[in-house]
Amino acid sequence: MADRDERDHTTESESAQDGKKRNGKPSKGFSRRQFIKGTGLAVSASVLASEGLLKAAAQEKTPGVSGPGPVPVRLRINGKEHVLRLEPRVTLLDALRNRLDMTGAKKVCDRASCGACTVVIDGRPVYSCTVLAIDAQGRSIGTIEGLAPEDKLHPVSQSFVDNDAQQCGFCTAGFVMAVKAHIDKHPHPTAESVRQSLNGNLCRCGTYVGIREAVLEAATKMSRKGGRV
C-alpha cells in the first residue's frame, strides 16, 4: 500500500513537472487576458497623469505669455489708435478686414505670394497676411483707406486710373501701397527700380505696363508737391 502511494505521488510530481516544461515554456505566468488588462491599467494611469499635468499647466499663469484667448491689442492705423481684443493668432489682415471693416487689403492667396494684402508698416511695404496683429503694436500702419481721407484720390491712385493700370481690382490696393512706399523712399524712380520694387506683387490681369507708367507719373506729381503726400 505504501509502495502504491509512493508511486502515485511520484507520478503526480512528474506530471506537474512535465506540464511546466511543455513546449519549453512554464505553464504558469501571465495569460493573454492578464497582459491586456495590465497594459490597459498602465495606459489609463498615464492618460490620467498627463491630463492632470495639462490642467495644472492651464491653471498656471506664466508672466509674459499671452493667450490662447483674446487679449488687448492696440494698433495705430492711418494715424488713429484702435484698441481691439484679439486672439494672438489673428493676422493683421484679418484684424483689418473682420474687425475694423478696412477691406482695401484683399485676402487672396493668404500665403505671401501675391501682394494683394500689402500695407505699409513703418514706411515699408509688408504682406499683412504674414504679420500677427499683436506683433504690429507700437508701429505705424498705413492702408489704402488712409490715402484718401477727404474723398480725394491720392496721386498714386489717380495715376492708376489715368494709365488704365487696373482691371479686376483685386491686386490694385496692394500695388498702390507698394508704389506709395517706393516713391516715398525713392522720389525719382527709374523704370528698372520700379520693376524691381514691385516684383512681390502679382497682377492676374497683366496690367504691368500701365502700372509702371502710373508709378513714374505719380512720382512726378508728388515731386511737384514737395515729396510725400
Protein backbone atom coordinates (compact mmCIF):
# COMPACT_ATOMS: atom_id res chain seq x y z
CA MET A 1 0.00 0.00 0.00
CA ALA A 2 2.85 2.31 0.93
CA ASP A 3 4.59 1.46 -2.33
CA ARG A 4 1.43 2.31 -4.30
CA ASP A 5 1.04 5.65 -2.54
CA GLU A 6 4.69 6.46 -3.17
CA ARG A 7 4.35 5.57 -6.85
CA ASP A 8 1.18 7.65 -7.21
CA HIS A 9 2.89 10.61 -5.55
CA THR A 10 5.90 10.28 -7.83
CA THR A 11 3.70 10.08 -10.91
CA GLU A 12 1.78 13.23 -9.95
CA SER A 13 5.03 15.15 -9.35
CA GLU A 14 6.47 14.09 -12.70
CA SER A 15 3.24 15.09 -14.44
CA ALA A 16 3.38 18.55 -12.86
CA GLN A 17 7.00 18.99 -13.93
CA ASP A 18 6.20 17.82 -17.45
CA GLY A 19 3.41 20.41 -17.59
CA LYS A 20 5.81 23.17 -16.57
CA LYS A 21 8.35 22.16 -19.21
CA ARG A 22 5.84 21.63 -22.04
CA ASN A 23 6.93 23.43 -25.26
CA GLY A 24 9.91 24.80 -23.35
CA LYS A 25 7.64 27.33 -21.50
CA PRO A 26 6.38 27.31 -17.95
CA SER A 27 2.69 26.57 -17.60
CA LYS A 28 2.27 29.31 -15.02
CA GLY A 29 2.72 33.08 -15.68
CA PHE A 30 0.77 35.92 -17.38
CA SER A 31 -2.11 34.88 -19.55
CA ARG A 32 -3.14 36.94 -22.54
CA ARG A 33 -6.07 38.35 -20.61
CA GLN A 34 -3.87 39.34 -17.69
CA PHE A 35 -1.38 41.01 -20.04
CA ILE A 36 -4.06 43.06 -21.81
CA LYS A 37 -5.65 44.00 -18.51
CA GLY A 38 -2.32 45.12 -17.06
CA THR A 39 -1.45 47.12 -20.18
CA GLY A 40 -4.84 48.85 -20.11
CA LEU A 41 -4.37 49.87 -16.50
CA ALA A 42 -0.91 51.28 -17.29
CA VAL A 43 -2.22 53.33 -20.24
CA SER A 44 -5.14 54.64 -18.20
CA ALA A 45 -2.81 55.73 -15.43
CA SER A 46 -0.57 57.50 -17.94
CA VAL A 47 -3.53 59.35 -19.53
CA LEU A 48 -4.86 60.45 -16.16
CA ALA A 49 -1.44 61.69 -15.14
CA SER A 50 -0.99 63.65 -18.38
CA GLU A 51 -4.46 65.21 -18.03
CA GLY A 52 -3.55 66.30 -14.54
CA LEU A 53 -0.37 67.94 -15.82
CA LEU A 54 -2.25 69.70 -18.62
CA LYS A 55 -4.86 71.04 -16.22
CA ALA A 56 -2.15 72.26 -13.90
CA ALA A 57 -0.36 73.98 -16.78
CA ALA A 58 -3.58 75.61 -17.95
CA GLN A 59 -4.31 76.93 -14.47
CA GLU A 60 -0.79 78.26 -14.00
CA LYS A 61 -0.39 81.87 -15.09
CA THR A 62 3.01 82.42 -16.66
CA PRO A 63 4.13 86.06 -16.89
CA GLY A 64 4.80 87.28 -20.43
CA VAL A 65 2.67 84.60 -22.16
CA SER A 66 -0.47 85.78 -23.99
CA GLY A 67 -3.48 83.71 -24.99
CA PRO A 68 -4.81 81.48 -26.24
CA GLY A 69 -7.90 83.58 -25.54
CA PRO A 70 -8.47 87.18 -26.71
CA VAL A 71 -6.06 89.78 -25.35
CA PRO A 72 -6.00 93.58 -25.70
CA VAL A 73 -4.25 94.73 -28.88
CA ARG A 74 -3.58 98.38 -29.67
CA LEU A 75 -2.99 99.26 -33.34
CA ARG A 76 -2.08 102.62 -34.83
CA ILE A 77 -3.60 102.66 -38.32
CA ASN A 78 -3.57 105.68 -40.61
CA GLY A 79 -2.68 107.87 -37.64
CA LYS A 80 -5.56 106.65 -35.46
CA GLU A 81 -5.40 104.36 -32.43
CA HIS A 82 -7.62 101.27 -32.37
CA VAL A 83 -7.97 99.03 -29.31
CA LEU A 84 -9.21 95.51 -30.01
CA ARG A 85 -9.46 92.20 -28.21
CA LEU A 86 -7.94 89.55 -30.43
CA GLU A 87 -6.54 86.06 -30.13
CA PRO A 88 -2.75 86.16 -30.58
CA ARG A 89 -3.07 84.02 -33.73
CA VAL A 90 -5.11 86.66 -35.61
CA THR A 91 -3.23 88.22 -38.51
CA LEU A 92 -3.14 91.93 -39.19
CA LEU A 93 -5.05 91.29 -42.43
CA ASP A 94 -7.91 89.56 -40.62
CA ALA A 95 -7.98 92.25 -37.94
CA LEU A 96 -8.25 94.95 -40.60
CA ARG A 97 -10.95 93.22 -42.64
CA ASN A 98 -13.02 91.43 -39.99
CA ARG A 99 -12.76 93.74 -37.00
CA LEU A 100 -12.16 97.23 -38.40
CA ASP A 101 -14.04 96.95 -41.71
CA MET A 102 -10.96 98.08 -43.65
CA THR A 103 -11.38 95.83 -46.66
CA GLY A 104 -8.98 97.55 -49.06
CA ALA A 105 -6.26 94.98 -48.39
CA LYS A 106 -7.51 91.84 -50.12
CA LYS A 107 -7.26 88.27 -48.82
CA VAL A 108 -6.37 86.42 -51.99
CA CYS A 109 -3.59 83.83 -51.58
CA ASP A 110 -3.20 84.20 -47.79
CA ARG A 111 0.36 82.87 -48.01
CA ALA A 112 2.53 85.83 -49.00
CA SER A 113 2.81 85.12 -52.71
CA CYS A 114 0.54 87.67 -54.45
CA GLY A 115 0.85 91.00 -52.62
CA ALA A 116 -2.87 91.83 -52.69
CA CYS A 117 -2.81 92.36 -48.90
CA THR A 118 0.13 94.79 -48.93
CA VAL A 119 0.08 97.55 -46.32
CA VAL A 120 2.85 99.93 -45.23
CA ILE A 121 4.37 99.43 -41.78
CA ASP A 122 6.93 101.97 -40.62
CA GLY A 123 7.46 103.03 -44.22
CA ARG A 124 7.98 99.54 -45.62
CA PRO A 125 5.54 97.51 -47.76
CA VAL A 126 4.53 94.37 -45.88
CA TYR A 127 2.23 91.42 -46.57
CA SER A 128 -0.40 91.84 -43.85
CA CYS A 129 -1.36 88.15 -44.11
CA THR A 130 2.01 87.21 -42.62
CA VAL A 131 2.04 89.68 -39.71
CA LEU A 132 0.28 88.91 -36.44
CA ALA A 133 -1.81 91.83 -35.26
CA ILE A 134 -0.30 91.52 -31.80
CA ASP A 135 3.18 91.98 -33.32
CA ALA A 136 2.12 95.16 -35.14
CA GLN A 137 1.57 97.05 -31.88
CA GLY A 138 3.59 100.21 -31.45
CA ARG A 139 4.19 100.53 -35.20
CA SER A 140 2.78 102.93 -37.77
CA ILE A 141 0.43 101.08 -40.13
CA GLY A 142 -0.80 102.59 -43.39
CA THR A 143 -3.62 101.14 -45.50
CA ILE A 144 -5.28 102.15 -48.76
CA GLU A 145 -8.10 103.74 -46.75
CA GLY A 146 -5.66 106.28 -45.34
CA LEU A 147 -4.59 107.61 -48.75
CA ALA A 148 -7.81 109.48 -49.43
CA PRO A 149 -9.19 110.66 -46.09
CA GLU A 150 -11.09 113.54 -47.69
CA ASP A 151 -12.57 111.55 -50.59
CA LYS A 152 -9.88 112.83 -52.91
CA LEU A 153 -7.67 110.38 -54.77
CA HIS A 154 -4.01 110.22 -53.85
CA PRO A 155 -1.64 110.97 -56.80
CA VAL A 156 -0.70 107.27 -56.95
CA SER A 157 -4.34 106.16 -57.09
CA GLN A 158 -5.16 108.84 -59.67
CA SER A 159 -2.22 107.77 -61.82
CA PHE A 160 -3.51 104.17 -61.76
CA VAL A 161 -6.82 105.44 -63.14
CA ASP A 162 -5.22 107.67 -65.74
CA ASN A 163 -2.93 104.90 -67.03
CA ASP A 164 -5.54 102.13 -67.00
CA ALA A 165 -3.39 100.23 -64.51
CA GLN A 166 -6.19 98.09 -63.07
CA GLN A 167 -8.89 95.73 -64.26
CA CYS A 168 -10.48 93.33 -61.77
CA GLY A 169 -9.12 95.36 -58.84
CA PHE A 170 -8.12 92.54 -56.50
CA CYS A 171 -4.44 93.46 -56.71
CA THR A 172 -4.82 97.23 -57.07
CA ALA A 173 -4.79 98.26 -53.40
CA GLY A 174 -1.68 96.17 -52.76
CA PHE A 175 0.08 97.69 -55.76
CA VAL A 176 -0.88 101.23 -54.75
CA MET A 177 0.53 100.77 -51.24
CA ALA A 178 3.74 99.20 -52.57
CA VAL A 179 4.12 102.07 -55.07
CA LYS A 180 3.47 104.68 -52.37
CA ALA A 181 6.19 103.17 -50.15
CA HIS A 182 8.63 103.02 -53.08
CA ILE A 183 8.11 106.65 -54.14
CA ASP A 184 8.41 107.86 -50.54
CA LYS A 185 11.81 106.20 -50.35
CA HIS A 186 12.87 106.89 -53.95
CA PRO A 187 11.27 110.18 -55.08
CA HIS A 188 12.77 109.87 -58.56
CA PRO A 189 12.36 106.20 -59.53
CA THR A 190 13.54 104.69 -62.78
CA ALA A 191 11.71 102.11 -64.85
CA GLU A 192 14.14 99.43 -63.62
CA SER A 193 13.80 100.36 -59.95
CA VAL A 194 10.02 100.26 -60.30
CA ARG A 195 10.16 96.81 -61.87
CA GLN A 196 12.34 95.51 -59.04
CA SER A 197 10.34 97.13 -56.27
CA LEU A 198 7.08 95.61 -57.49
CA ASN A 199 8.31 92.06 -58.11
CA GLY A 200 6.49 90.93 -54.96
CA ASN A 201 3.07 91.92 -56.32
CA LEU A 202 1.17 89.93 -58.94
CA CYS A 203 -1.50 91.12 -61.37
CA ARG A 204 -3.51 88.27 -62.81
CA CYS A 205 -4.93 90.62 -65.45
CA GLY A 206 -1.44 91.52 -66.68
CA THR A 207 -1.60 95.32 -66.42
CA TYR A 208 2.11 95.63 -65.62
CA VAL A 209 2.86 98.15 -68.36
CA GLY A 210 0.16 100.52 -67.14
CA ILE A 211 1.27 100.06 -63.53
CA ARG A 212 4.87 101.01 -64.31
CA GLU A 213 3.75 104.08 -66.23
CA ALA A 214 1.49 105.00 -63.33
CA VAL A 215 4.40 104.84 -60.90
CA LEU A 216 6.55 107.21 -62.94
CA GLU A 217 3.67 109.63 -63.43
CA ALA A 218 2.76 109.58 -59.74
CA ALA A 219 6.38 110.23 -58.76
CA THR A 220 6.42 113.29 -60.99
CA LYS A 221 3.18 114.62 -59.48
CA MET A 222 4.40 114.05 -55.93
CA SER A 223 7.77 115.71 -56.56
CA ARG A 224 5.93 118.82 -57.78
CA LYS A 225 4.05 118.90 -54.49
CA GLY A 226 7.24 118.68 -52.48
CA GLY A 227 7.71 114.93 -51.90
CA ARG A 228 5.49 112.76 -49.70
CA VAL A 229 1.73 113.11 -49.98
